[in-house]
Amino acid sequence: TIAISIPSAEPQPPGRSPDRSHTVFRVEVLCHGRRHTVLKRYSEFQALHKRIKKSCTVPTFPPRHVPHWMPKALEQRRQGLELYLRGVLYHNQELPQDVLEFLRVKRAQQDAK
């Protein structure tokens, strides 16, 4: 089985374009006693949702727009994404390849249940 948590969301300093900072969510993946971390942006979660929503059961996807001036907004988004991913894992016995790749889990690891 695979367990995930998103312990933190880390605002990243703006890169090439000065006005565009973004947040990276630290996704901790626990698979057969081995833990690894995947760093993902909100847009990557959104892209995953678009790819898998037709082929498997997915919970409601957390909305993008939360006011940045609210300190709790980021925390709400972090929780929302964590619940979303947990919901995907919970509702689908067979995880789509897209989800495994997103979490960087090899299919062989999942089959070894």
Protein backbone atom coordinates (compact mmCIF):
# COMPACT_ATOMS: atom_id res chain seq x y z
CA THR A 1 0.00 0.00 0.00
CA ILE A 2 0.96 3.59 -0.49
CA ALA A 3 0.50 6.29 2.12
CA ILE A 4 0.98 9.96 1.46
CA SER A 5 1.12 13.17 3.41
CA ILE A 6 1.89 16.75 2.48
CA PRO A 7 3.66 18.06 5.57
CA SER A 8 4.56 21.44 4.14
CA ALA A 9 3.99 24.01 1.44
CA GLU A 10 7.01 26.13 0.67
CA PRO A 11 6.74 29.44 -1.18
CA GLN A 12 9.56 29.63 -3.69
CA PRO A 13 11.30 32.88 -4.54
CA PRO A 14 10.46 34.21 -7.99
CA GLY A 15 12.66 32.69 -10.65
CA ARG A 16 13.27 34.25 -14.05
CA SER A 17 10.21 36.49 -13.94
CA PRO A 18 10.33 38.69 -10.85
CA ASP A 19 6.59 38.85 -10.17
CA ARG A 20 5.87 35.13 -10.30
CA SER A 21 6.64 33.36 -7.10
CA HIS A 22 5.08 29.93 -6.64
CA THR A 23 4.56 27.38 -3.95
CA VAL A 24 6.00 23.90 -3.86
CA PHE A 25 4.16 21.21 -1.94
CA ARG A 26 6.31 18.58 -0.28
CA VAL A 27 4.59 15.23 -0.83
CA GLU A 28 5.92 12.44 1.37
CA VAL A 29 5.26 9.02 -0.08
CA LEU A 30 5.53 5.90 2.05
CA CYS A 31 5.54 2.72 -0.02
CA HIS A 32 6.41 -0.66 1.53
CA GLY A 33 8.34 0.91 4.37
CA ARG A 34 10.37 3.17 2.09
CA ARG A 35 9.82 6.89 2.23
CA HIS A 36 10.63 9.41 -0.44
CA THR A 37 9.65 13.00 -1.11
CA VAL A 38 8.24 14.51 -4.27
CA LEU A 39 8.07 18.27 -4.74
CA LYS A 40 5.02 19.36 -6.75
CA ARG A 41 3.41 22.61 -7.76
CA TYR A 42 -0.33 23.15 -7.63
CA SER A 43 -0.45 23.15 -11.44
CA GLU A 44 1.03 19.63 -11.47
CA PHE A 45 -1.74 18.39 -9.18
CA GLN A 46 -4.24 20.06 -11.48
CA ALA A 47 -2.75 18.42 -14.56
CA LEU A 48 -2.87 15.03 -12.82
CA HIS A 49 -6.53 15.59 -11.91
CA LYS A 50 -7.40 16.39 -15.53
CA ARG A 51 -5.69 13.22 -16.74
CA ILE A 52 -7.23 10.81 -14.23
CA LYS A 53 -10.72 12.14 -13.54
CA LYS A 54 -12.26 10.23 -16.45
CA SER A 55 -10.60 6.93 -15.68
CA CYS A 56 -10.89 6.67 -11.90
CA THR A 57 -12.79 7.87 -8.85
CA VAL A 58 -11.53 11.24 -7.71
CA PRO A 59 -12.59 13.50 -4.86
CA THR A 60 -13.37 17.18 -5.42
CA PHE A 61 -10.28 19.07 -6.49
CA PRO A 62 -9.35 22.03 -4.23
CA PRO A 63 -9.84 25.39 -5.94
CA ARG A 64 -6.84 27.37 -7.08
CA HIS A 65 -7.93 30.79 -5.95
CA VAL A 66 -7.31 31.48 -2.32
CA PRO A 67 -6.25 34.98 -1.32
CA HIS A 68 -2.49 35.02 -0.84
CA TRP A 69 -2.68 37.55 1.95
CA MET A 70 -4.43 35.02 4.13
CA PRO A 71 -1.86 33.00 6.05
CA LYS A 72 -4.39 30.20 6.41
CA ALA A 73 -5.10 30.09 2.67
CA LEU A 74 -1.91 28.21 1.89
CA GLU A 75 -2.57 25.82 4.75
CA GLN A 76 -6.10 25.19 3.44
CA ARG A 77 -4.73 24.46 -0.01
CA ARG A 78 -2.10 22.12 1.45
CA GLN A 79 -4.78 20.24 3.38
CA GLY A 80 -7.06 20.18 0.35
CA LEU A 81 -4.37 18.67 -1.87
CA GLU A 82 -3.46 16.13 0.80
CA LEU A 83 -7.10 15.06 1.18
CA TYR A 84 -7.44 14.93 -2.59
CA LEU A 85 -4.45 12.60 -3.04
CA ARG A 86 -5.51 10.43 -0.12
CA GLY A 87 -8.96 10.18 -1.65
CA VAL A 88 -7.52 9.04 -4.96
CA LEU A 89 -5.46 6.37 -3.18
CA TYR A 90 -8.41 5.30 -1.05
CA HIS A 91 -11.01 4.99 -3.81
CA ASN A 92 -8.93 3.18 -6.41
CA GLN A 93 -7.63 -0.33 -5.86
CA GLU A 94 -5.69 -0.14 -9.11
CA LEU A 95 -3.90 3.18 -9.32
CA PRO A 96 -3.54 4.64 -12.81
CA GLN A 97 0.00 4.87 -14.15
CA ASP A 98 -0.32 8.67 -14.10
CA VAL A 99 -0.76 8.61 -10.32
CA LEU A 100 2.18 6.24 -9.83
CA GLU A 101 4.40 8.46 -11.97
CA PHE A 102 3.20 11.57 -10.15
CA LEU A 103 4.21 9.96 -6.85
CA ARG A 104 7.33 8.41 -8.42
CA VAL A 105 6.28 4.91 -7.40
CA LYS A 106 7.25 1.99 -9.59
CA ARG A 107 4.43 -0.35 -10.53
CA ALA A 108 6.45 -3.33 -9.24
CA GLN A 109 6.49 -1.76 -5.76
CA GLN A 110 2.72 -1.50 -5.81
CA ASP A 111 2.19 -5.07 -7.03
CA ALA A 112 4.27 -6.49 -4.20
CA LYS A 113 1.38 -6.14 -1.73
